[in-house]
Structure formats: structure tokens, C-alpha cells
Amino acid sequence: MPQPWETDLAYAVRLGQVAAPEGSVATYIPELAHANPAHVGIAAALPDGRLLTDGDAHVPFTLQSVSKVLTLMLALMEAGEDAVFARVGREPTGDAFNSIIRLETLPDHKPLNPFINAGAIAIADLIPGRDLDDRTARLLRFVRRLAGNEQIGVNRRVAHSEWSTGHRNRALAYFMKDAGILKRGVEESLRLYFNQCSIEVTVADLARIAANLAYPDGQIPRSVLRTALAFMTTCGLYDGSGEFAIRVGMAAKSGVGGGIMAVSPGRAAIATFGPALDRRGNSSAGLRMLEYLSAGQNLSLFDPYAIPVPV
């Protein structure tokens, strides 16, 4: 039988603390290099309404690529499915998240999915608004509503650090502008992309956001949730997505800020934090914690014994 959630979260944090030294913090964004690699935190939003936390749950971190789930959902709601998939594809990739090679070699130069950097920049280009401030404010309203926290904002130091060093992302964006994928000004949509990645949360905020996907209440259309969860399952951990599906089996999205948002619809919404990353850019502690919880609480989407059989 599964252990009580409080017990499992406490033990998961201890496992995460053991796994953290196997990774290292991201340094290619200079501001992220200041993170404490020993930090490990977790939160779980449960079907009965409880929100449980353990470890360094009070430590803020930036969403980074976890934000791609949110901008995808917002773009689908604001621009529509046809507009979104005219810009990006629906296929996973084994390439690194910031790879440029597929953009050049694919005939239509379209990013393979919205969770690689090129795809996320294309999605950011779709977020409506008069200017950068208006578009950022629209995204923040959406994130704050999902998290139930009006204090969530953009960490300006991280956003500036990304802007100052985001040469690969700038190259991706200008290539897509040349190919007709981006319609707005390149620099403005890049600024929006850097802002979205720099939105600062705690694991409690992120678990509340994940709860909107695990226990839908009608705020987000069913088709949007289905699309987001499908991409999280197939593309959410980049070139580690297949291994994660086998070992953990939850719909999830990671970010180089150390966060992972994981969903088992109807059963759990979990957020983990650990800024020490493996070679693929996924949190070493977060992966270990989620693997343990998935096994102990029967959260894998692919385990037929964990799904009640209708009588």
C-alpha cells in the first residue's frame, strides 16, 4: 500500500539531497550560476485539496523552460490551434533543447515542437498585446491566476542575464524571422521569451499551477489541456523524455532553473526544485524524487495496474 504523502515527501527530499551532488548548476546563464546546488524542495497538490511541501520549498527559482507549458496553453487559447501549429510541429526530438540544426535542414524550417527553444520563441511571438509590457502583463496575469498568487513576477536580474548572453536564442529567432516563422519584431518577442523564462515561483506556486492540469475546473479548455499534457509526456524533458516516461511515467516539464512540474491527471500534481542539473539540463534531485514518488504512489500513466478497471 502507498505510504502517507507526508512520509513519502519527506523521504523523497532525502533521496533528492543524495542525488543533488551528481549534477551541477547552469552557468551559461550567469545569474543562474549563483544558485545553491544543495537546495532541494518539493510540493504536492492532492485531489483532496491539500497542498503539502517539504525541504527548501520556500526558495524562489525561475521557471525557465517550465514556462513553455504556460505560453503554449495561452497561445492556444488566444490564437487558436491552427495558428499555433502553423508555427511549430507536434513531434519530439532527440536533439538538445537549443539545437539549430533541424531548423536549417527541415524543408519548412518549422521547429519540431513548442518545447525546444526555437519552438518556444515561435510561440512567444503569438502572445498578443500592444507592446512588450502589455504582452508580459498578459502572461503574468495568466500565471498568477493559475498559481493563485498575485505576487508572482519577473526576476529582472535573470531576464537581463538571459538577454545579455542569449546569443544562440537570438540566432534561432533571426533564422525563423528569415524563414517567415516569426511575424513580430525579433527583439521584442525574444524579450518576451526571456521574461517568461525569468518568472519567479516557489514549488508551492508550481504545484498549484500543475493542479490546473491534474484537476481541471473548466478555466482551461479541455483540448488545450490535452495538447499540453501530450507535449509534456513526449517532449517535456528534452532528449531525456523517453527515459523519464519509462522510469517515472508522468506528464512533466523541466527547466534549467531546477524546477520540474509533473502531473498524473486525477491523482497528483507535483513540483520539485533542485538547481543541480544532469547533462541533459534536468534536475538531478527532481528526477530522483519523482521516480520514487511515482513508484510509491502509483502515478505512472503507463502502469495498467495503477488505473482502476471499470466494473
Protein backbone atom coordinates (compact mmCIF):
# COMPACT_ATOMS: atom_id res chain seq x y z
CA MET A 1 0.00 0.00 0.00
CA PRO A 2 1.18 3.58 -0.66
CA GLN A 3 2.71 5.42 2.29
CA PRO A 4 1.06 8.65 3.57
CA TRP A 5 2.02 11.54 1.33
CA GLU A 6 3.75 13.40 4.17
CA THR A 7 6.02 10.42 4.76
CA ASP A 8 6.79 9.95 1.09
CA LEU A 9 7.57 13.62 0.50
CA ALA A 10 10.00 13.71 3.42
CA TYR A 11 11.79 10.60 2.18
CA ALA A 12 11.78 11.91 -1.40
CA VAL A 13 13.61 15.04 -0.24
CA ARG A 14 16.26 12.92 1.45
CA LEU A 15 16.74 10.98 -1.80
CA GLY A 16 16.95 14.26 -3.68
CA GLN A 17 19.62 15.54 -1.33
CA VAL A 18 21.67 12.42 -2.06
CA ALA A 19 21.20 12.85 -5.83
CA ALA A 20 21.90 16.60 -5.97
CA PRO A 21 25.73 16.30 -5.91
CA GLU A 22 25.53 14.25 -9.11
CA GLY A 23 24.58 17.41 -11.02
CA SER A 24 25.77 20.99 -11.34
CA VAL A 25 24.03 24.35 -11.65
CA ALA A 26 23.54 26.01 -15.03
CA THR A 27 26.29 28.53 -15.77
CA TYR A 28 25.57 29.53 -19.37
CA ILE A 29 23.04 31.99 -17.93
CA PRO A 30 25.35 33.81 -15.48
CA GLU A 31 22.67 34.72 -12.93
CA LEU A 32 21.68 31.05 -12.55
CA ALA A 33 25.24 30.18 -11.54
CA HIS A 34 24.56 31.77 -8.13
CA ALA A 35 22.04 29.06 -7.18
CA ASN A 36 22.84 26.80 -4.24
CA PRO A 37 23.28 23.29 -5.71
CA ALA A 38 22.32 21.73 -2.37
CA HIS A 39 18.79 23.16 -2.39
CA VAL A 40 16.06 20.51 -2.71
CA GLY A 41 12.35 21.21 -2.35
CA ILE A 42 9.05 19.59 -3.23
CA ALA A 43 5.32 20.33 -3.18
CA ALA A 44 2.29 18.20 -3.99
CA ALA A 45 -1.25 19.37 -4.68
CA LEU A 46 -3.52 16.41 -3.93
CA PRO A 47 -7.05 15.51 -5.10
CA ASP A 48 -8.48 16.22 -1.64
CA GLY A 49 -7.31 19.86 -1.83
CA ARG A 50 -4.25 19.56 0.39
CA LEU A 51 -1.01 21.26 -0.59
CA LEU A 52 1.97 19.58 1.08
CA THR A 53 5.56 20.83 0.99
CA ASP A 54 8.94 19.62 2.25
CA GLY A 55 12.58 20.63 2.01
CA ASP A 56 13.58 24.01 0.58
CA ALA A 57 10.03 24.79 -0.50
CA HIS A 58 10.39 28.50 0.38
CA VAL A 59 13.32 29.11 -2.01
CA PRO A 60 12.28 31.00 -5.17
CA PHE A 61 13.54 29.97 -8.61
CA THR A 62 12.79 30.96 -12.17
CA LEU A 63 10.54 28.83 -14.36
CA GLN A 64 12.90 28.76 -17.35
CA SER A 65 11.57 26.10 -19.74
CA VAL A 66 8.70 25.09 -17.45
CA SER A 67 7.16 28.35 -18.69
CA LYS A 68 6.81 26.81 -22.16
CA VAL A 69 3.78 24.84 -20.98
CA LEU A 70 2.10 28.07 -19.89
CA THR A 71 2.82 30.07 -23.03
CA LEU A 72 1.68 27.13 -25.16
CA MET A 73 -1.65 26.99 -23.32
CA LEU A 74 -2.07 30.76 -23.51
CA ALA A 75 -1.25 30.83 -27.23
CA LEU A 76 -3.70 28.01 -27.93
CA MET A 77 -6.40 29.92 -26.04
CA GLU A 78 -5.63 33.32 -27.57
CA ALA A 79 -4.53 32.49 -31.13
CA GLY A 80 -6.06 29.06 -31.71
CA GLU A 81 -4.72 25.66 -32.67
CA ASP A 82 -4.37 26.40 -36.39
CA ALA A 83 -2.19 29.46 -35.74
CA VAL A 84 -0.01 27.61 -33.23
CA PHE A 85 0.67 24.61 -35.42
CA ALA A 86 1.34 26.76 -38.44
CA ARG A 87 4.42 27.90 -36.47
CA VAL A 88 5.54 24.71 -34.69
CA GLY A 89 5.29 20.95 -35.19
CA ARG A 90 3.98 18.18 -32.97
CA GLU A 91 6.99 15.82 -32.91
CA PRO A 92 9.56 15.03 -30.20
CA THR A 93 13.25 15.34 -30.94
CA GLY A 94 16.39 13.71 -29.65
CA ASP A 95 18.35 16.92 -30.17
CA ALA A 96 19.43 19.31 -27.43
CA PHE A 97 16.90 21.98 -26.41
CA ASN A 98 18.88 24.79 -28.08
CA SER A 99 19.84 22.93 -31.26
CA ILE A 100 19.70 24.88 -34.51
CA ILE A 101 20.45 22.09 -36.99
CA ARG A 102 16.83 20.97 -37.55
CA LEU A 103 15.67 24.49 -38.39
CA GLU A 104 18.05 24.58 -41.31
CA THR A 105 17.58 21.03 -42.56
CA LEU A 106 13.77 20.68 -42.34
CA PRO A 107 12.09 21.81 -45.59
CA ASP A 108 9.63 24.18 -43.88
CA HIS A 109 12.18 25.40 -41.27
CA LYS A 110 9.49 24.94 -38.61
CA PRO A 111 10.55 23.96 -35.05
CA LEU A 112 9.62 20.36 -34.34
CA ASN A 113 7.69 21.15 -31.14
CA PRO A 114 6.89 24.06 -28.80
CA PHE A 115 9.20 22.89 -26.00
CA ILE A 116 12.55 23.25 -27.75
CA ASN A 117 13.87 26.81 -27.58
CA ALA A 118 13.12 27.60 -31.22
CA GLY A 119 9.55 26.38 -30.80
CA ALA A 120 9.05 28.34 -27.59
CA ILE A 121 10.29 31.54 -29.23
CA ALA A 122 7.83 30.95 -32.07
CA ILE A 123 5.05 30.50 -29.50
CA ALA A 124 6.08 33.68 -27.66
CA ASP A 125 5.71 35.53 -30.97
CA LEU A 126 1.99 34.58 -30.89
CA ILE A 127 1.21 36.09 -27.48
CA PRO A 128 -0.96 39.13 -28.27
CA GLY A 129 -0.59 42.66 -26.93
CA ARG A 130 0.26 46.23 -27.87
CA ASP A 131 3.91 46.03 -26.88
CA LEU A 132 6.35 44.06 -24.75
CA ASP A 133 4.98 45.35 -21.43
CA ASP A 134 1.40 44.57 -22.40
CA ARG A 135 2.29 41.09 -23.61
CA THR A 136 4.34 40.34 -20.48
CA ALA A 137 1.49 41.59 -18.29
CA ARG A 138 -0.97 39.33 -20.13
CA LEU A 139 1.25 36.31 -19.50
CA LEU A 140 1.77 37.23 -15.84
CA ARG A 141 -1.99 37.56 -15.29
CA PHE A 142 -2.42 34.03 -16.63
CA VAL A 143 0.37 32.59 -14.46
CA ARG A 144 -0.83 34.40 -11.32
CA ARG A 145 -4.38 33.14 -11.86
CA LEU A 146 -3.23 29.53 -12.23
CA ALA A 147 -0.96 29.79 -9.17
CA GLY A 148 -3.40 31.79 -7.05
CA ASN A 149 -0.59 34.22 -6.23
CA GLU A 150 -0.72 37.87 -7.32
CA GLN A 151 2.86 38.45 -6.13
CA ILE A 152 4.48 36.35 -8.88
CA GLY A 153 6.66 38.45 -11.16
CA VAL A 154 9.68 38.51 -13.44
CA ASN A 155 13.14 38.33 -11.87
CA ARG A 156 14.71 41.24 -13.74
CA ARG A 157 18.28 40.21 -12.93
CA VAL A 158 17.76 36.83 -14.55
CA ALA A 159 15.93 38.35 -17.52
CA HIS A 160 18.80 40.77 -18.11
CA SER A 161 21.32 37.96 -17.75
CA GLU A 162 19.47 35.93 -20.38
CA TRP A 163 19.17 38.92 -22.68
CA SER A 164 22.88 39.69 -22.40
CA THR A 165 24.06 36.16 -23.11
CA GLY A 166 21.27 34.64 -25.24
CA HIS A 167 23.26 34.55 -28.48
CA ARG A 168 22.09 31.07 -29.53
CA ASN A 169 18.46 32.01 -28.94
CA ARG A 170 18.96 35.21 -30.91
CA ALA A 171 20.40 33.18 -33.79
CA LEU A 172 17.38 30.83 -33.69
CA ALA A 173 14.99 33.78 -33.72
CA TYR A 174 16.61 35.60 -36.63
CA PHE A 175 16.72 32.39 -38.65
CA MET A 176 12.99 31.90 -38.04
CA LYS A 177 12.29 35.53 -38.95
CA ASP A 178 14.07 34.99 -42.25
CA ALA A 179 12.03 31.81 -42.80
CA GLY A 180 8.74 33.60 -42.10
CA ILE A 181 8.00 31.76 -38.83
CA LEU A 182 8.20 34.91 -36.68
CA LYS A 183 5.83 37.73 -37.62
CA ARG A 184 6.57 40.34 -34.98
CA GLY A 185 9.81 42.13 -34.25
CA VAL A 186 12.51 39.65 -33.34
CA GLU A 187 13.91 41.58 -30.39
CA GLU A 188 10.50 42.16 -28.79
CA SER A 189 9.49 38.51 -28.99
CA LEU A 190 12.92 37.50 -27.68
CA ARG A 191 12.46 39.87 -24.74
CA LEU A 192 9.09 38.26 -24.04
CA TYR A 193 10.68 34.81 -24.21
CA PHE A 194 13.41 35.84 -21.76
CA ASN A 195 10.77 37.40 -19.48
CA GLN A 196 8.67 34.23 -19.45
CA CYS A 197 11.71 32.13 -18.56
CA SER A 198 12.52 34.56 -15.73
CA ILE A 199 9.15 34.35 -13.97
CA GLU A 200 9.95 33.52 -10.36
CA VAL A 201 7.99 30.97 -8.29
CA THR A 202 8.31 28.53 -5.42
CA VAL A 203 7.47 24.83 -5.60
CA ALA A 204 4.14 25.61 -3.88
CA ASP A 205 3.27 28.03 -6.69
CA LEU A 206 4.29 25.48 -9.29
CA ALA A 207 2.28 22.68 -7.69
CA ARG A 208 -0.80 24.92 -7.70
CA ILE A 209 -0.20 25.62 -11.39
CA ALA A 210 0.14 21.90 -12.06
CA ALA A 211 -3.14 21.30 -10.23
CA ASN A 212 -4.95 23.09 -13.07
CA LEU A 213 -3.81 20.28 -15.38
CA ALA A 214 -4.38 17.45 -12.91
CA TYR A 215 -7.83 18.51 -11.70
CA PRO A 216 -9.37 20.72 -14.39
CA ASP A 217 -12.14 23.11 -13.36
CA GLY A 218 -13.10 24.50 -16.76
CA GLN A 219 -10.79 27.54 -16.74
CA ILE A 220 -8.65 25.97 -19.47
CA PRO A 221 -10.39 24.28 -22.42
CA ARG A 222 -10.21 20.50 -22.49
CA SER A 223 -8.47 20.45 -25.88
CA VAL A 224 -5.76 22.80 -24.59
CA LEU A 225 -5.12 20.64 -21.53
CA ARG A 226 -4.97 17.51 -23.67
CA THR A 227 -2.42 19.12 -26.01
CA ALA A 228 -0.28 20.44 -23.16
CA LEU A 229 -0.22 17.09 -21.35
CA ALA A 230 0.63 15.25 -24.58
CA PHE A 231 3.61 17.52 -25.23
CA MET A 232 4.74 17.23 -21.62
CA THR A 233 4.67 13.44 -21.92
CA THR A 234 6.54 13.26 -25.25
CA CYS A 235 8.82 16.32 -25.12
CA GLY A 236 8.87 17.65 -21.56
CA LEU A 237 12.38 16.56 -20.61
CA TYR A 238 14.01 17.11 -24.00
CA ASP A 239 16.24 14.23 -25.04
CA GLY A 240 15.58 12.59 -21.68
CA SER A 241 11.81 12.36 -22.26
CA GLY A 242 11.77 8.71 -23.28
CA GLU A 243 13.77 7.54 -20.28
CA PHE A 244 11.59 9.67 -17.99
CA ALA A 245 8.43 8.11 -19.45
CA ILE A 246 9.75 4.66 -18.60
CA ARG A 247 11.20 5.42 -15.17
CA VAL A 248 8.56 7.90 -13.92
CA GLY A 249 5.69 7.90 -16.40
CA MET A 250 4.16 11.28 -15.54
CA ALA A 251 3.47 14.22 -17.85
CA ALA A 252 6.21 16.68 -16.90
CA LYS A 253 8.20 19.74 -17.91
CA SER A 254 11.64 20.66 -16.62
CA GLY A 255 13.63 23.89 -16.62
CA VAL A 256 17.29 24.76 -16.12
CA GLY A 257 16.32 26.83 -13.09
CA GLY A 258 15.94 23.47 -11.36
CA GLY A 259 12.18 23.11 -11.42
CA ILE A 260 10.09 20.21 -12.70
CA MET A 261 6.30 20.32 -12.96
CA ALA A 262 4.76 16.83 -13.07
CA VAL A 263 1.15 15.74 -13.49
CA SER A 264 -0.69 12.45 -13.11
CA PRO A 265 -4.24 13.50 -14.07
CA GLY A 266 -6.72 12.93 -11.27
CA ARG A 267 -4.03 11.58 -8.93
CA ALA A 268 -1.33 14.17 -8.21
CA ALA A 269 0.21 17.49 -9.21
CA ILE A 270 3.84 17.67 -8.09
CA ALA A 271 6.54 20.33 -8.30
CA THR A 272 10.17 19.70 -7.48
CA PHE A 273 13.15 22.01 -7.17
CA GLY A 274 16.85 21.27 -7.27
CA PRO A 275 19.14 23.55 -9.30
CA ALA A 276 21.88 20.93 -9.75
CA LEU A 277 21.27 19.58 -13.27
CA ASP A 278 22.26 16.44 -15.15
CA ARG A 279 23.92 16.57 -18.58
CA ARG A 280 20.53 16.96 -20.29
CA GLY A 281 19.58 20.01 -18.23
CA ASN A 282 17.13 18.25 -15.90
CA SER A 283 17.25 18.49 -12.12
CA SER A 284 19.16 15.53 -10.65
CA ALA A 285 17.26 15.78 -7.37
CA GLY A 286 13.92 16.31 -9.08
CA LEU A 287 14.29 13.23 -11.25
CA ARG A 288 15.12 11.07 -8.26
CA MET A 289 12.25 12.41 -6.18
CA LEU A 290 9.71 11.92 -8.94
CA GLU A 291 10.90 8.40 -9.68
CA TYR A 292 10.44 7.48 -6.04
CA LEU A 293 7.01 9.10 -5.71
CA SER A 294 5.72 7.67 -8.97
CA ALA A 295 6.56 4.14 -7.86
CA GLY A 296 5.34 4.58 -4.28
CA GLN A 297 2.09 6.38 -5.08
CA ASN A 298 1.26 4.57 -8.36
CA LEU A 299 1.41 7.71 -10.52
CA SER A 300 2.69 6.38 -13.84
CA LEU A 301 0.33 6.99 -16.75
CA PHE A 302 1.62 3.79 -18.33
CA ASP A 303 1.05 1.36 -15.46
CA PRO A 304 -2.18 -0.55 -16.20
CA TYR A 305 -2.29 -1.82 -12.63
CA ALA A 306 -2.43 1.73 -11.31
CA ILE A 307 -5.57 2.60 -13.29
CA PRO A 308 -8.87 1.39 -11.85
CA VAL A 309 -10.66 -1.00 -14.20
CA PRO A 310 -14.35 -0.12 -14.73
CA VAL A 311 -16.72 -2.78 -13.47
